[in-house]
Protein backbone atom coordinates (compact mmCIF):
# COMPACT_ATOMS: atom_id res chain seq x y z
CA MET A 1 -20.81 10.99 -48.83
CA SER A 2 -17.89 12.65 -47.05
CA VAL A 3 -15.78 10.89 -44.44
CA SER A 4 -17.04 13.17 -41.66
CA LYS A 5 -20.66 12.54 -42.67
CA ARG A 6 -20.10 8.76 -42.65
CA ALA A 7 -18.35 8.97 -39.28
CA SER A 8 -21.16 10.98 -37.71
CA THR A 9 -23.78 8.65 -39.22
CA TRP A 10 -21.89 5.70 -37.75
CA LEU A 11 -21.67 7.44 -34.34
CA PHE A 12 -25.40 8.21 -34.33
CA SER A 13 -26.15 4.58 -35.21
CA VAL A 14 -23.93 3.36 -32.36
CA GLU A 15 -25.65 5.85 -30.06
CA ARG A 16 -29.12 4.56 -31.00
CA HIS A 17 -28.08 0.95 -30.36
CA ALA A 18 -26.41 1.92 -27.07
CA PHE A 19 -29.58 3.73 -26.00
CA LEU A 20 -31.68 0.62 -26.66
CA ALA A 21 -29.25 -1.48 -24.60
CA GLU A 22 -29.34 1.15 -21.83
CA LYS A 23 -33.13 0.94 -21.71
CA TRP A 24 -32.97 -2.82 -21.21
CA ILE A 25 -30.25 -2.56 -18.58
CA CYS A 26 -32.39 -0.09 -16.63
CA ILE A 27 -35.51 -2.24 -17.01
CA ILE A 28 -33.67 -5.34 -15.80
CA SER A 29 -32.22 -3.33 -12.90
CA LEU A 30 -35.67 -2.17 -11.82
CA VAL A 31 -37.05 -5.72 -12.04
CA ALA A 32 -34.07 -7.05 -10.04
CA MET A 33 -34.67 -4.40 -7.40
CA LEU A 34 -38.37 -5.26 -7.19
CA VAL A 35 -37.77 -9.02 -7.01
CA GLY A 36 -34.90 -8.66 -4.54
CA ILE A 37 -36.89 -6.47 -2.17
CA CYS A 38 -40.05 -8.61 -2.41
CA PHE A 39 -38.05 -11.79 -1.79
CA SER A 40 -36.25 -10.15 1.13
CA VAL A 41 -39.54 -9.06 2.70
CA ALA A 42 -41.02 -12.55 2.23
CA VAL A 43 -37.95 -14.18 3.81
CA ARG A 44 -38.22 -11.91 6.85
CA TYR A 45 -42.00 -12.22 7.12
CA PHE A 46 -41.96 -16.03 7.06
CA SER A 47 -38.73 -16.23 9.13
CA LEU A 48 -37.05 -18.35 6.48
CA HIS A 49 -33.39 -19.24 6.88
CA LEU A 50 -32.30 -17.95 3.48
CA PRO A 51 -29.73 -15.33 2.54
CA ASP A 52 -30.98 -11.75 2.30
CA ALA A 53 -31.82 -11.07 -1.36
CA GLY A 54 -31.84 -7.36 -0.61
CA GLU A 55 -28.20 -7.41 -1.72
CA ILE A 56 -29.43 -7.96 -5.29
CA ALA A 57 -31.61 -4.86 -5.01
CA ILE A 58 -28.72 -2.83 -3.65
CA TYR A 59 -26.38 -4.02 -6.40
CA ALA A 60 -29.05 -3.31 -9.04
CA MET A 61 -28.97 0.36 -8.09
CA ALA A 62 -25.53 0.77 -9.71
CA PRO A 63 -26.59 0.03 -13.31
CA LEU A 64 -29.78 2.02 -12.82
CA THR A 65 -27.83 5.02 -11.56
CA PHE A 66 -24.88 5.09 -13.94
CA VAL A 67 -26.45 3.70 -17.11
CA GLY A 68 -29.54 5.78 -16.33
CA ALA A 69 -27.29 8.86 -16.21
CA ALA A 70 -26.15 8.04 -19.73
CA MET A 71 -29.77 7.77 -20.86
CA CYS A 72 -30.47 11.19 -19.35
CA THR A 73 -27.49 12.59 -21.24
CA CYS A 74 -28.86 11.16 -24.49
CA THR A 75 -32.37 12.50 -24.00
CA GLY A 76 -31.25 15.83 -22.59
CA THR A 77 -33.04 15.27 -19.29
CA HIS A 78 -29.88 15.56 -17.19
CA ILE A 79 -29.19 18.74 -15.29
CA ALA A 80 -28.95 21.33 -18.03
CA VAL A 81 -29.65 24.99 -18.52
CA ASP A 82 -33.28 24.82 -19.65
CA ILE A 83 -33.49 28.59 -19.95
CA ILE A 84 -31.41 28.28 -23.13
CA GLU A 85 -34.52 26.90 -24.85
CA GLN A 86 -36.39 30.12 -24.04
CA VAL A 87 -33.83 32.36 -25.73
CA LYS A 88 -34.98 33.78 -29.07
CA ARG A 89 -31.58 33.85 -30.80
CA PRO A 90 -30.68 30.48 -32.37
CA TRP A 91 -26.93 31.05 -32.05
CA VAL A 92 -27.28 31.45 -28.26
CA ARG A 93 -29.26 28.17 -28.03
CA ARG A 94 -26.69 26.44 -30.20
CA THR A 95 -23.82 27.82 -28.11
CA GLY A 96 -25.58 26.57 -24.97
CA ARG A 97 -25.94 23.08 -26.46
CA VAL A 98 -22.27 23.02 -27.47
CA PHE A 99 -21.18 24.21 -24.02
CA THR A 100 -23.39 21.63 -22.28
CA ALA A 101 -22.07 18.82 -24.51
CA LEU A 102 -18.45 19.85 -23.92
CA THR A 103 -19.05 20.02 -20.18
CA MET A 104 -20.63 16.55 -20.20
CA ILE A 105 -17.67 15.16 -22.17
CA VAL A 106 -15.23 16.52 -19.58
CA PHE A 107 -17.43 15.30 -16.70
CA GLY A 108 -17.81 11.83 -18.21
CA ALA A 109 -14.11 11.51 -19.04
CA VAL A 110 -12.95 12.56 -15.56
CA TYR A 111 -15.39 10.25 -13.82
CA PHE A 112 -14.62 7.42 -16.26
CA TRP A 113 -10.96 7.64 -15.29
CA THR A 114 -11.86 7.65 -11.59
CA ALA A 115 -14.38 4.85 -12.00
CA LEU A 116 -11.96 2.69 -13.94
CA GLY A 117 -9.54 2.73 -11.01
CA PHE A 118 -12.39 1.92 -8.63
CA PHE A 119 -13.52 -1.00 -10.80
CA GLN A 120 -9.98 -2.36 -11.16
CA SER A 121 -9.55 -2.18 -7.38
CA ALA A 122 -12.82 -4.04 -6.79
CA LEU A 123 -11.88 -6.62 -9.42
CA SER A 124 -8.42 -7.29 -8.02
CA SER A 125 -9.61 -7.43 -4.39
CA GLY A 126 -12.08 -10.22 -5.09
CA GLU A 127 -14.39 -8.69 -2.48
CA ARG A 128 -17.86 -10.18 -2.27
CA GLY A 129 -21.16 -9.17 -0.72
CA LEU A 130 -21.88 -10.45 2.78
CA ASP A 131 -25.24 -12.13 2.21
CA MET A 132 -25.16 -13.72 -1.23
CA GLY A 133 -21.46 -13.57 -2.05
CA ILE A 134 -21.97 -11.57 -5.25
CA PRO A 135 -18.66 -10.03 -6.39
CA VAL A 136 -18.50 -6.30 -5.70
CA ALA A 137 -16.84 -5.89 -9.11
CA ILE A 138 -20.19 -6.53 -10.81
CA PRO A 139 -21.94 -3.33 -9.68
CA THR A 140 -18.73 -1.29 -9.84
CA PHE A 141 -18.38 -2.27 -13.52
CA PHE A 142 -21.41 -0.13 -14.31
CA PHE A 143 -19.70 3.05 -13.06
CA PRO A 144 -17.06 3.23 -15.84
CA LEU A 145 -19.55 1.81 -18.36
CA GLY A 146 -22.07 4.52 -17.54
CA MET A 147 -19.46 7.26 -17.80
CA ALA A 148 -18.22 5.92 -21.15
CA LEU A 149 -21.81 6.03 -22.38
CA VAL A 150 -22.19 9.60 -21.06
CA VAL A 151 -19.16 10.57 -23.17
CA LEU A 152 -20.62 8.77 -26.22
CA HIS A 153 -23.96 10.58 -25.94
CA ALA A 154 -22.34 13.95 -25.22
CA LEU A 155 -20.04 13.54 -28.22
CA ALA A 156 -23.03 12.74 -30.44
CA GLU A 157 -24.89 15.78 -29.06
CA LEU A 158 -21.83 17.95 -29.71
CA LEU A 159 -21.81 16.83 -33.35
CA ARG A 160 -25.55 17.46 -33.65
CA ALA A 161 -25.21 20.93 -32.10
CA ALA A 162 -22.21 21.80 -34.28
CA ALA A 163 -24.13 20.71 -37.40
CA ASN A 164 -27.22 22.60 -36.18
CA GLN A 165 -29.28 19.39 -36.10
CA PRO A 166 -32.03 18.88 -33.52
CA SER A 167 -31.13 17.07 -30.32
CA VAL A 168 -32.47 13.60 -29.58
CA ALA A 169 -34.94 15.20 -27.16
CA LYS A 170 -36.39 17.24 -30.06
CA GLU A 171 -36.57 14.19 -32.34
CA HIS A 172 -38.48 12.08 -29.80
CA PRO A 173 -40.50 14.35 -27.50
């Protein structure tokens, strides 16, 4: 097996494992949002003197948004040019996939760089939420993580498109 084949096989394996982790992060985020909102409503309804757990729900939106964006990149359900799939010529479809993957790599890299500065700022400030005192650095961590995962999935899609292999969306409809 050639070095490039082993490298791409390794990348696809990492991508599969990352996707499984992303699913669980999104599931946990949704559960945290549900529990946080339900608890917050119960606290208000019964006039309990407890901190507002709605902060947990708000913070859980960050992993759902940014890690969810990476999942959409992997499955091809992000904003893409769907008309490419209707084109009869395979080379046009392949060119569209390559262009989309390259665009997502640039997008993810630029926003990763921006997000990293934002996360470092939140980390160094030590800022905390008002109600529960949760560090703001926790949700901001998911911004650079999500963008790094977007780059990973876009890079894997670029390799699949260049090798004329089906996308993940085609493998698992």
